[in-house]
N, C-alpha and C. Protein backbone atom coordinates (compact mmCIF):
# COMPACT_ATOMS: atom_id res chain seq x y z
N UNK A 1 -62.68 -22.01 31.85
CA UNK A 1 -62.96 -23.19 32.69
C UNK A 1 -64.28 -23.14 32.07
N UNK A 2 -65.06 -22.63 31.89
CA UNK A 2 -66.51 -23.34 31.69
C UNK A 2 -67.00 -23.18 30.68
N UNK A 3 -65.85 -22.97 29.47
CA UNK A 3 -66.76 -23.61 28.29
C UNK A 3 -65.91 -25.54 27.90
N UNK A 4 -65.20 -26.14 28.93
CA UNK A 4 -64.79 -26.95 29.32
C UNK A 4 -65.62 -27.92 30.03
N UNK A 5 -66.94 -27.53 30.50
CA UNK A 5 -67.89 -28.10 31.02
C UNK A 5 -69.04 -29.09 30.58
N UNK A 6 -68.93 -29.49 29.15
CA UNK A 6 -69.99 -30.09 28.60
C UNK A 6 -69.17 -30.99 28.65
N UNK A 7 -67.55 -31.06 28.15
CA UNK A 7 -66.26 -32.65 28.11
C UNK A 7 -65.79 -32.36 29.51
N UNK A 8 -65.83 -31.97 30.15
CA UNK A 8 -64.71 -32.51 31.39
C UNK A 8 -66.18 -33.25 32.72
N UNK A 9 -65.55 -33.48 33.31
CA UNK A 9 -66.02 -34.12 34.93
C UNK A 9 -65.66 -32.50 35.68
N UNK A 10 -66.28 -33.18 36.57
CA UNK A 10 -65.87 -31.66 37.72
C UNK A 10 -64.14 -32.46 38.17
N UNK A 11 -63.88 -33.47 38.81
CA UNK A 11 -62.55 -33.44 38.97
C UNK A 11 -61.37 -33.12 38.00
N UNK A 12 -61.85 -33.96 36.99
CA UNK A 12 -60.70 -32.99 35.77
C UNK A 12 -60.95 -32.01 34.94
N UNK A 13 -61.73 -31.16 35.90
CA UNK A 13 -61.73 -29.39 35.42
C UNK A 13 -61.21 -29.46 36.40
N UNK A 14 -60.89 -29.97 37.80
CA UNK A 14 -60.36 -29.28 39.08
C UNK A 14 -58.63 -29.48 38.97
N UNK A 15 -58.50 -30.39 38.11
CA UNK A 15 -57.31 -30.76 37.57
C UNK A 15 -56.58 -30.06 36.88
N UNK A 16 -57.18 -29.10 35.31
CA UNK A 16 -56.83 -28.90 34.98
C UNK A 16 -56.83 -27.09 36.00
N UNK A 17 -57.63 -26.66 36.18
CA UNK A 17 -57.14 -25.14 36.79
C UNK A 17 -55.95 -25.24 38.00
N UNK A 18 -55.94 -26.06 38.39
CA UNK A 18 -55.08 -26.60 39.14
C UNK A 18 -53.93 -26.23 38.04
N UNK A 19 -53.79 -27.19 37.73
CA UNK A 19 -52.64 -27.33 36.34
C UNK A 19 -52.39 -25.58 36.04
N UNK A 20 -52.84 -24.82 35.67
CA UNK A 20 -52.88 -23.56 34.73
C UNK A 20 -52.97 -22.77 35.83
N UNK A 21 -53.29 -22.77 37.15
CA UNK A 21 -52.62 -21.91 38.20
C UNK A 21 -50.75 -21.87 38.37
N UNK A 22 -51.13 -23.15 39.01
CA UNK A 22 -49.90 -23.69 39.85
C UNK A 22 -48.10 -23.62 38.77
N UNK A 23 -48.60 -24.00 37.80
CA UNK A 23 -47.13 -24.25 36.70
C UNK A 23 -46.35 -23.28 36.33
N UNK A 24 -46.91 -22.38 36.35
CA UNK A 24 -45.97 -21.09 36.06
C UNK A 24 -44.95 -20.96 37.63
N UNK A 25 -45.65 -21.27 39.08
CA UNK A 25 -44.92 -21.17 39.97
C UNK A 25 -43.95 -22.59 40.13
N UNK A 26 -43.32 -23.35 39.01
CA UNK A 26 -42.49 -24.62 39.16
C UNK A 26 -41.96 -24.61 38.26
N UNK A 27 -42.13 -23.82 36.71
CA UNK A 27 -40.53 -23.03 35.87
C UNK A 27 -39.28 -22.78 36.58
N UNK A 28 -39.67 -22.18 36.89
CA UNK A 28 -37.92 -21.48 37.62
C UNK A 28 -37.97 -22.46 38.72
N UNK A 29 -38.16 -23.93 38.80
CA UNK A 29 -36.81 -24.72 39.10
C UNK A 29 -36.94 -25.81 38.31
N UNK A 30 -36.77 -25.36 37.19
CA UNK A 30 -35.86 -26.31 36.13
C UNK A 30 -34.72 -25.58 36.17
N UNK A 31 -33.79 -24.25 36.33
CA UNK A 31 -32.88 -24.15 36.39
C UNK A 31 -32.34 -24.25 37.63
N UNK A 32 -32.75 -25.56 38.51
CA UNK A 32 -31.76 -25.67 39.53
C UNK A 32 -30.78 -26.54 38.82
N UNK A 33 -31.07 -27.76 38.18
CA UNK A 33 -29.98 -28.05 37.65
C UNK A 33 -29.21 -27.62 36.51
N UNK A 34 -28.72 -26.97 36.42
CA UNK A 34 -28.32 -26.34 35.38
C UNK A 34 -27.02 -26.76 35.33
N UNK A 35 -26.13 -26.64 36.80
CA UNK A 35 -24.85 -26.71 36.67
C UNK A 35 -24.68 -28.88 37.28
N UNK A 36 -25.10 -29.13 36.50
CA UNK A 36 -25.35 -30.83 36.77
C UNK A 36 -23.76 -31.12 36.45
N UNK A 37 -22.35 -31.41 35.82
CA UNK A 37 -21.79 -31.59 35.27
C UNK A 37 -20.90 -30.99 36.44
N UNK A 38 -20.98 -29.56 37.28
CA UNK A 38 -20.03 -29.07 37.95
C UNK A 38 -20.22 -30.18 39.58
N UNK A 39 -21.63 -29.75 39.58
CA UNK A 39 -22.09 -30.56 41.05
C UNK A 39 -21.26 -31.97 41.13
N UNK A 40 -21.00 -32.82 40.07
CA UNK A 40 -20.82 -34.20 39.87
C UNK A 40 -19.33 -34.20 40.01
N UNK A 41 -18.29 -32.98 39.82
CA UNK A 41 -17.39 -33.19 39.56
C UNK A 41 -16.83 -32.66 40.92
N UNK A 42 -17.62 -31.62 41.20
CA UNK A 42 -17.25 -31.15 43.04
C UNK A 42 -17.43 -32.49 44.00
N UNK A 43 -18.73 -33.26 43.49
CA UNK A 43 -18.84 -34.23 44.62
C UNK A 43 -18.18 -35.56 44.72
N UNK A 44 -17.19 -35.89 43.10
CA UNK A 44 -16.20 -37.34 43.45
C UNK A 44 -14.94 -36.19 44.33
N UNK A 45 -14.42 -35.03 44.53
CA UNK A 45 -13.16 -34.86 45.49
C UNK A 45 -13.38 -34.99 46.56
N UNK A 46 -12.78 -35.86 47.05
CA UNK A 46 -13.26 -36.41 48.94
C UNK A 46 -12.08 -36.27 50.14
N UNK A 47 -10.91 -34.88 49.67
CA UNK A 47 -11.09 -33.74 50.37
C UNK A 47 -11.93 -32.96 50.79
N UNK A 48 -12.20 -32.62 52.08
CA UNK A 48 -13.67 -31.44 52.01
C UNK A 48 -13.18 -29.73 51.76
N UNK A 49 -11.64 -29.62 52.46
CA UNK A 49 -11.56 -27.97 51.81
C UNK A 49 -11.52 -28.01 50.05
N UNK A 50 -11.21 -28.70 49.65
CA UNK A 50 -11.12 -28.44 48.34
C UNK A 50 -12.16 -28.25 47.60
N UNK A 51 -13.00 -29.48 48.21
CA UNK A 51 -14.74 -29.87 47.87
C UNK A 51 -15.28 -28.92 48.25
N UNK A 52 -15.35 -27.95 48.87
CA UNK A 52 -15.96 -26.41 48.98
C UNK A 52 -15.88 -25.62 49.09
N UNK A 53 -14.51 -25.90 48.18
CA UNK A 53 -13.45 -24.87 47.20
C UNK A 53 -14.87 -25.06 45.59
N UNK A 54 -14.89 -26.14 45.92
CA UNK A 54 -15.33 -26.15 44.16
C UNK A 54 -16.86 -25.91 44.41
N UNK A 55 -17.10 -26.23 45.21
CA UNK A 55 -18.26 -26.17 45.12
C UNK A 55 -19.04 -23.94 45.82
N UNK A 56 -17.87 -24.06 46.51
CA UNK A 56 -17.94 -22.35 45.70
C UNK A 56 -17.91 -21.02 44.54
N UNK A 57 -16.71 -22.31 44.04
CA UNK A 57 -16.83 -22.04 42.95
C UNK A 57 -17.34 -21.73 42.06
N UNK A 58 -19.03 -22.76 41.77
CA UNK A 58 -19.96 -23.29 41.04
C UNK A 58 -20.71 -21.89 40.39
N UNK A 59 -21.48 -21.24 39.77
CA UNK A 59 -21.94 -20.29 38.97
C UNK A 59 -23.07 -19.87 39.81
N UNK A 60 -23.67 -18.91 40.35
CA UNK A 60 -25.08 -19.28 40.81
C UNK A 60 -26.37 -19.02 40.20
N UNK A 61 -25.72 -18.81 38.91
CA UNK A 61 -27.11 -18.20 37.77
C UNK A 61 -27.07 -19.22 36.99
N UNK A 62 -27.59 -19.52 35.93
CA UNK A 62 -28.01 -20.89 35.54
C UNK A 62 -26.49 -20.56 34.21
N UNK A 63 -26.49 -21.77 34.14
CA UNK A 63 -24.73 -21.94 33.79
C UNK A 63 -24.62 -21.28 32.00
N UNK A 64 -23.99 -21.03 32.18
CA UNK A 64 -23.23 -20.26 31.01
C UNK A 64 -23.04 -21.36 29.02
N UNK A 65 -23.85 -20.13 27.98
CA UNK A 65 -23.81 -21.49 26.94
C UNK A 65 -22.54 -21.66 26.56
N UNK A 66 -22.08 -22.99 26.93
CA UNK A 66 -20.86 -22.94 26.10
C UNK A 66 -20.79 -24.05 24.98
N UNK A 67 -19.75 -23.59 24.36
CA UNK A 67 -19.34 -24.10 22.79
C UNK A 67 -18.69 -25.84 23.13
N UNK A 68 -19.31 -26.53 22.09
CA UNK A 68 -18.99 -28.16 22.30
C UNK A 68 -17.99 -28.32 21.50
N UNK A 69 -16.93 -28.95 22.39
CA UNK A 69 -15.60 -29.13 22.16
C UNK A 69 -16.00 -30.96 22.31
N UNK A 70 -14.77 -31.47 21.15
CA UNK A 70 -14.36 -32.61 21.65
C UNK A 70 -13.69 -33.05 22.69
N UNK A 71 -13.66 -33.55 22.97
CA UNK A 71 -13.42 -34.04 24.64
C UNK A 71 -12.01 -34.26 24.74
N UNK A 72 -10.86 -33.62 25.68
CA UNK A 72 -9.83 -34.06 25.70
C UNK A 72 -9.24 -34.15 26.93
N UNK A 73 -8.05 -33.82 26.93
CA UNK A 73 -7.35 -34.34 29.01
C UNK A 73 -7.96 -33.38 28.90
N UNK A 74 -8.31 -32.13 29.64
CA UNK A 74 -9.00 -31.30 30.14
C UNK A 74 -10.23 -32.35 31.36
N UNK A 75 -10.31 -33.20 30.18
CA UNK A 75 -12.61 -33.72 30.78
C UNK A 75 -12.13 -34.49 32.45
N UNK A 76 -11.21 -35.18 32.11
CA UNK A 76 -10.10 -36.16 33.13
C UNK A 76 -10.51 -35.85 34.26
N UNK A 77 -11.77 -36.40 35.00
CA UNK A 77 -11.08 -36.43 37.36
C UNK A 77 -10.19 -35.34 37.35
N UNK A 78 -10.56 -34.84 38.43
CA UNK A 78 -9.91 -33.77 38.65
C UNK A 78 -9.44 -34.04 40.05
N UNK A 79 -8.15 -34.64 40.24
CA UNK A 79 -7.63 -34.44 41.61
C UNK A 79 -7.47 -33.80 42.78
N UNK A 80 -7.72 -33.61 43.62
CA UNK A 80 -7.42 -32.90 44.78
C UNK A 80 -6.06 -31.97 44.00
N UNK A 81 -4.92 -32.53 44.33
CA UNK A 81 -4.13 -32.41 43.69
C UNK A 81 -3.88 -31.68 42.28
N UNK A 82 -4.92 -31.52 41.12
CA UNK A 82 -4.54 -30.57 40.20
C UNK A 82 -5.42 -30.11 40.39
N UNK A 83 -6.94 -29.97 41.36
CA UNK A 83 -7.33 -29.17 41.34
C UNK A 83 -6.90 -27.28 41.61
N UNK A 84 -7.83 -26.13 41.00
CA UNK A 84 -7.41 -25.04 40.79
C UNK A 84 -8.44 -24.48 41.74
N UNK A 85 -7.15 -23.36 42.48
CA UNK A 85 -7.69 -23.16 43.49
C UNK A 85 -8.83 -22.03 42.25
N UNK A 86 -10.57 -21.73 43.26
CA UNK A 86 -10.90 -21.24 42.30
C UNK A 86 -11.34 -19.65 42.55
N UNK A 87 -11.51 -18.98 41.57
CA UNK A 87 -10.62 -17.51 41.09
C UNK A 87 -11.88 -16.69 42.54
N UNK A 88 -11.41 -15.87 42.72
CA UNK A 88 -11.78 -15.12 43.47
C UNK A 88 -12.37 -13.90 43.40
N UNK A 89 -13.78 -13.57 43.01
CA UNK A 89 -14.81 -12.68 42.68
C UNK A 89 -14.52 -11.13 42.73
N UNK A 90 -14.37 -10.44 41.42
CA UNK A 90 -13.74 -9.19 41.07
C UNK A 90 -14.75 -8.40 42.56
N UNK A 91 -13.53 -7.51 43.14
CA UNK A 91 -14.48 -6.74 44.18
C UNK A 91 -15.13 -5.57 43.41
N UNK A 92 -16.86 -5.12 44.08
CA UNK A 92 -16.99 -5.04 43.02
C UNK A 92 -17.19 -3.63 44.63
N UNK A 93 -16.71 -2.16 43.78
CA UNK A 93 -16.81 -1.08 44.66
C UNK A 93 -18.79 -0.96 45.18
N UNK A 94 -18.61 -0.61 46.67
CA UNK A 94 -20.51 -0.89 47.20
C UNK A 94 -20.13 0.61 47.93
N UNK A 95 -20.99 1.57 47.66
CA UNK A 95 -21.55 2.73 48.05
C UNK A 95 -21.14 2.74 49.65
N UNK A 96 -21.06 3.88 49.78
CA UNK A 96 -20.52 4.14 51.03
C UNK A 96 -21.81 4.16 51.94
N UNK A 97 -21.92 3.40 52.93
CA UNK A 97 -23.34 3.36 53.98
C UNK A 97 -23.75 4.48 54.62
N UNK A 98 -25.18 5.07 54.01
CA UNK A 98 -25.05 6.19 54.90
C UNK A 98 -25.06 6.68 56.40
N UNK A 99 -24.68 7.62 56.66
CA UNK A 99 -24.86 7.43 58.48
C UNK A 99 -25.75 7.20 59.22
N UNK A 100 -25.80 7.08 60.01
CA UNK A 100 -27.23 6.33 61.00
C UNK A 100 -28.08 7.94 61.51
N UNK A 101 -26.90 9.25 61.27
CA UNK A 101 -27.65 10.12 61.72
C UNK A 101 -28.85 10.38 60.57
N UNK A 102 -27.95 9.71 59.14
CA UNK A 102 -28.29 10.82 57.54
C UNK A 102 -30.04 9.82 58.05
N UNK A 103 -30.45 8.82 58.46
CA UNK A 103 -30.98 7.49 58.00
C UNK A 103 -32.34 7.52 59.09
N UNK A 104 -32.27 8.89 60.06
CA UNK A 104 -32.84 8.77 61.14
C UNK A 104 -34.33 9.51 60.46
N UNK A 105 -35.29 8.55 60.54
CA UNK A 105 -37.03 8.75 60.96
C UNK A 105 -37.37 8.81 59.43
N UNK A 106 -36.28 7.67 58.45
CA UNK A 106 -36.46 7.00 57.10
C UNK A 106 -37.07 5.88 57.41
N UNK A 107 -37.67 5.08 56.42
CA UNK A 107 -39.13 3.94 56.55
C UNK A 107 -38.64 3.08 57.46
N UNK A 108 -36.84 2.59 57.36
CA UNK A 108 -36.24 1.80 57.90
C UNK A 108 -35.04 2.01 57.58
N UNK A 109 -34.62 2.73 58.95
CA UNK A 109 -33.37 2.57 59.81
C UNK A 109 -32.94 1.75 59.20
N UNK A 110 -31.06 1.69 59.01
CA UNK A 110 -30.09 0.24 59.69
C UNK A 110 -29.40 0.27 61.19
N UNK A 111 -29.81 2.08 61.71
CA UNK A 111 -30.00 1.77 62.38
C UNK A 111 -30.92 2.49 63.39
N UNK A 112 -31.08 2.18 64.27
CA UNK A 112 -32.52 2.93 64.89
C UNK A 112 -31.55 3.66 66.25
N UNK A 113 -31.66 5.32 66.06
CA UNK A 113 -30.63 5.82 67.57
C UNK A 113 -32.76 7.08 68.15
N UNK A 114 -31.80 6.57 69.54
CA UNK A 114 -33.71 6.95 69.78
C UNK A 114 -33.31 9.43 69.76
N UNK A 115 -32.85 9.38 69.37
CA UNK A 115 -32.66 11.26 68.78
C UNK A 115 -31.81 11.44 68.45
N UNK A 116 -32.43 12.84 67.39
CA UNK A 116 -30.71 13.38 66.88
C UNK A 116 -30.65 14.69 67.70
N UNK A 117 -30.64 16.16 67.71
CA UNK A 117 -30.15 16.90 67.93
C UNK A 117 -29.45 17.91 66.66
N UNK A 118 -30.54 18.98 66.13
CA UNK A 118 -29.87 19.64 65.09
C UNK A 118 -30.19 21.32 65.65
N UNK A 119 -30.52 22.39 64.71
CA UNK A 119 -31.85 23.58 64.81
C UNK A 119 -31.42 23.97 63.70
N UNK A 120 -32.95 24.98 63.74
CA UNK A 120 -33.22 25.51 62.64
C UNK A 120 -32.09 27.02 61.96
N UNK A 121 -32.14 26.95 61.11
CA UNK A 121 -31.24 28.01 60.87
C UNK A 121 -32.34 28.96 60.27
N UNK A 122 -31.52 30.47 60.67
CA UNK A 122 -33.20 31.33 60.80
C UNK A 122 -33.80 32.27 61.56
N UNK A 123 -34.37 32.82 61.55
CA UNK A 123 -35.76 33.35 62.28
C UNK A 123 -36.67 32.20 62.60
N UNK A 124 -36.71 31.23 63.13
CA UNK A 124 -38.01 30.27 63.50
C UNK A 124 -39.57 31.44 64.09
N UNK A 125 -40.27 31.17 63.71
CA UNK A 125 -41.92 32.25 63.92
C UNK A 125 -42.79 31.10 64.18
N UNK A 126 -42.46 29.31 64.57
CA UNK A 126 -43.04 28.62 65.35
C UNK A 126 -44.07 27.67 64.00
N UNK A 127 -44.98 27.26 64.18
CA UNK A 127 -45.57 26.07 63.61
C UNK A 127 -46.75 25.89 63.64
N UNK A 128 -48.17 24.85 62.18
CA UNK A 128 -49.58 24.98 62.86
C UNK A 128 -49.01 23.38 61.34
N UNK A 129 -50.11 23.09 61.73
CA UNK A 129 -50.76 21.70 60.85
C UNK A 129 -49.13 21.87 60.21
N UNK A 130 -48.90 21.25 59.91
CA UNK A 130 -48.70 20.65 58.04
C UNK A 130 -46.62 21.67 57.81
N UNK A 131 -46.90 22.09 58.87
CA UNK A 131 -45.72 23.11 58.43
C UNK A 131 -44.55 22.64 57.81
N UNK A 132 -43.95 22.91 57.27
CA UNK A 132 -42.34 21.74 56.67
C UNK A 132 -41.62 23.17 57.85
N UNK A 133 -40.34 21.92 58.41
CA UNK A 133 -39.24 22.70 59.34
C UNK A 133 -38.69 21.95 58.99
N UNK A 134 -37.49 22.67 58.00
CA UNK A 134 -36.13 22.55 58.16
C UNK A 134 -34.97 22.40 59.02
N UNK A 135 -34.48 21.53 59.02
CA UNK A 135 -32.93 21.56 59.96
C UNK A 135 -31.40 22.22 59.07
N UNK A 136 -30.66 22.23 60.00
CA UNK A 136 -29.74 22.29 59.56
C UNK A 136 -28.66 21.07 59.07
N UNK A 137 -29.19 20.28 59.27
CA UNK A 137 -28.17 18.68 58.31
C UNK A 137 -28.81 18.78 57.39
N UNK A 138 -29.86 19.40 57.17
CA UNK A 138 -30.33 18.69 55.77
C UNK A 138 -31.74 18.21 55.67
N UNK A 139 -32.21 17.51 57.12
CA UNK A 139 -33.67 17.07 57.18
C UNK A 139 -35.20 18.17 57.33
N UNK A 140 -35.67 17.65 56.91
CA UNK A 140 -37.38 17.79 56.42
C UNK A 140 -37.80 17.49 57.40
N UNK A 141 -38.70 18.59 57.85
CA UNK A 141 -39.82 17.38 58.80
C UNK A 141 -41.25 18.00 58.50
N UNK A 142 -42.24 17.06 58.81
CA UNK A 142 -43.68 17.46 58.85
C UNK A 142 -44.49 17.67 59.34
N UNK A 143 -45.19 18.69 60.27
CA UNK A 143 -45.61 18.66 61.65
C UNK A 143 -47.12 18.18 61.06
N UNK A 144 -47.27 16.75 62.00
CA UNK A 144 -48.07 15.47 61.17
C UNK A 144 -49.47 15.77 62.58
N UNK A 145 -49.33 16.65 63.48
CA UNK A 145 -50.64 16.75 64.17
C UNK A 145 -51.27 17.99 64.41
N UNK A 146 -52.66 18.34 65.05
CA UNK A 146 -53.15 19.83 65.22
C UNK A 146 -52.80 20.81 65.52
N UNK A 147 -51.70 20.52 66.02
CA UNK A 147 -51.39 21.83 67.67
C UNK A 147 -50.72 22.78 65.48
N UNK A 148 -50.24 24.18 67.10
CA UNK A 148 -49.75 25.09 66.10
C UNK A 148 -49.46 26.19 67.57
N UNK A 149 -48.51 26.74 67.50
CA UNK A 149 -47.24 27.61 68.22
C UNK A 149 -46.72 29.17 67.75
N UNK A 150 -47.45 29.73 67.88
CA UNK A 150 -46.00 31.24 67.27
C UNK A 150 -45.38 31.61 68.68
N UNK A 151 -44.05 31.49 67.85
CA UNK A 151 -42.26 31.71 68.73
C UNK A 151 -41.71 32.64 67.98
N UNK A 152 -40.95 33.86 68.16
CA UNK A 152 -40.00 33.93 67.63
C UNK A 152 -38.32 34.28 68.10
N UNK A 153 -37.92 32.55 67.62
CA UNK A 153 -36.90 32.52 67.79
C UNK A 153 -35.51 32.75 66.48
N UNK A 154 -34.71 32.96 66.72
CA UNK A 154 -33.85 32.72 66.39
C UNK A 154 -32.39 31.34 66.33
N UNK A 155 -32.33 30.79 65.46
CA UNK A 155 -31.23 29.51 65.25
C UNK A 155 -32.03 28.12 66.34
N UNK A 156 -32.76 28.21 66.29
CA UNK A 156 -33.14 27.74 68.17
C UNK A 156 -33.15 26.44 67.78
N UNK A 157 -31.97 25.90 69.43
CA UNK A 157 -32.27 24.09 69.29
C UNK A 157 -33.32 22.91 69.44
N UNK A 158 -32.83 22.16 68.39
CA UNK A 158 -34.38 21.30 68.41
C UNK A 158 -33.25 20.17 68.77
N UNK A 159 -34.57 18.97 69.09
CA UNK A 159 -34.50 17.08 69.24
C UNK A 159 -35.40 16.73 68.57
N UNK A 160 -35.14 16.21 67.80
CA UNK A 160 -35.86 14.90 67.48
C UNK A 160 -35.64 13.70 68.08
N UNK A 161 -36.87 13.49 68.67
CA UNK A 161 -37.18 12.11 69.45
C UNK A 161 -38.01 10.96 68.88
N UNK A 162 -37.37 9.35 69.06
CA UNK A 162 -38.46 9.12 69.19
C UNK A 162 -39.28 8.61 69.71
N UNK A 163 -40.96 8.33 69.82
CA UNK A 163 -41.46 7.89 70.84
C UNK A 163 -42.19 6.87 69.94
N UNK A 164 -43.63 6.09 71.08
CA UNK A 164 -43.81 5.57 70.81
C UNK A 164 -44.63 5.79 69.77
N UNK A 165 -44.81 4.05 68.98
CA UNK A 165 -45.46 3.13 67.38
C UNK A 165 -44.74 4.44 66.60
N UNK A 166 -43.21 4.90 66.87
CA UNK A 166 -42.55 4.95 65.33
C UNK A 166 -43.32 6.54 64.98
N UNK A 167 -43.55 7.27 66.05
CA UNK A 167 -43.55 8.54 66.22
C UNK A 167 -42.06 8.96 66.68
N UNK A 168 -42.18 10.19 65.88
CA UNK A 168 -41.42 11.57 66.33
C UNK A 168 -42.20 12.21 66.44
N UNK A 169 -40.99 13.53 67.58
CA UNK A 169 -41.28 14.72 68.17
C UNK A 169 -40.26 15.58 68.00
N UNK A 170 -40.28 17.28 67.98
CA UNK A 170 -40.01 17.62 67.73
C UNK A 170 -39.46 18.52 68.79
N UNK A 171 -38.29 18.36 69.65
CA UNK A 171 -38.33 19.42 71.08
C UNK A 171 -37.85 20.93 71.23
N UNK A 172 -38.31 21.60 71.27
CA UNK A 172 -37.33 22.49 71.17
C UNK A 172 -37.22 23.02 72.58
N UNK A 173 -35.94 23.28 72.25
CA UNK A 173 -34.42 23.51 73.98
C UNK A 173 -35.78 24.90 74.45
N UNK A 174 -36.03 24.92 75.48
CA UNK A 174 -36.35 26.07 76.65
C UNK A 174 -38.33 25.92 76.48
N UNK A 175 -38.45 24.79 75.26
CA UNK A 175 -39.74 25.14 75.54
C UNK A 175 -40.63 23.93 75.49
N UNK A 176 -41.82 23.15 76.09
CA UNK A 176 -42.62 22.55 76.69
C UNK A 176 -43.68 21.44 75.76
N UNK A 177 -43.72 22.41 74.24
CA UNK A 177 -45.10 21.94 73.59
C UNK A 177 -43.65 20.83 72.34
N UNK A 178 -44.32 20.38 72.17
CA UNK A 178 -42.97 19.19 71.18
C UNK A 178 -44.72 18.79 69.71
N UNK A 179 -44.12 18.63 68.43
CA UNK A 179 -45.78 19.00 68.01
C UNK A 179 -44.54 17.44 67.43
N UNK A 180 -46.13 16.57 66.94
CA UNK A 180 -45.73 15.23 66.22
C UNK A 180 -45.05 15.64 64.92
N UNK A 181 -44.27 15.02 64.71
CA UNK A 181 -43.79 14.81 63.23
C UNK A 181 -43.67 14.04 62.28
N UNK A 182 -43.54 13.62 61.05
CA UNK A 182 -42.96 13.01 60.38
C UNK A 182 -41.91 13.67 59.09
N UNK A 183 -40.70 12.51 58.91
CA UNK A 183 -39.52 13.03 58.08
C UNK A 183 -39.92 13.12 56.39
N UNK A 184 -40.38 14.57 55.40
CA UNK A 184 -40.66 14.03 54.92
C UNK A 184 -39.44 14.04 53.37
N UNK A 185 -37.66 14.40 54.02
CA UNK A 185 -37.04 14.73 53.08
C UNK A 185 -35.56 14.41 54.41
């Protein structure tokens, strides 16, 4: 914009700058009126249930390109008695929702459980900072505090509990030390 300074006054430069900066935010608004004819057709239906069904049948995105054809009898105003029921949208198979236990400890779980219980398969010799601990349910947790502990246990039962400020702690059955952990897998 500095190149325009000898030719433009300061208010004109500001308006040009505003136009250049804000024009891209306004261009998506052009698509809102894509199906004007459909909106007018729905607006003319007197019965509220049929009018709502007409609005529900309108496409959500930009109107598809329709080849132009000569006007026919189908272009006549639609009366409520002849209005066709909206076609149901084809059912998309939705992926199964993961269980609450599978989501425990991830960024934004669907359901916030207070704790989960599992065990560490095999012989567990303890932890140190940044140790990875794999639970029997497939979850992997990393020790994030500076604690360490030596222990020699076979298949120790553990509870991962939620603490303050979205922190997680790994509690071992029969032990009073609980490292702070975060889920990595």
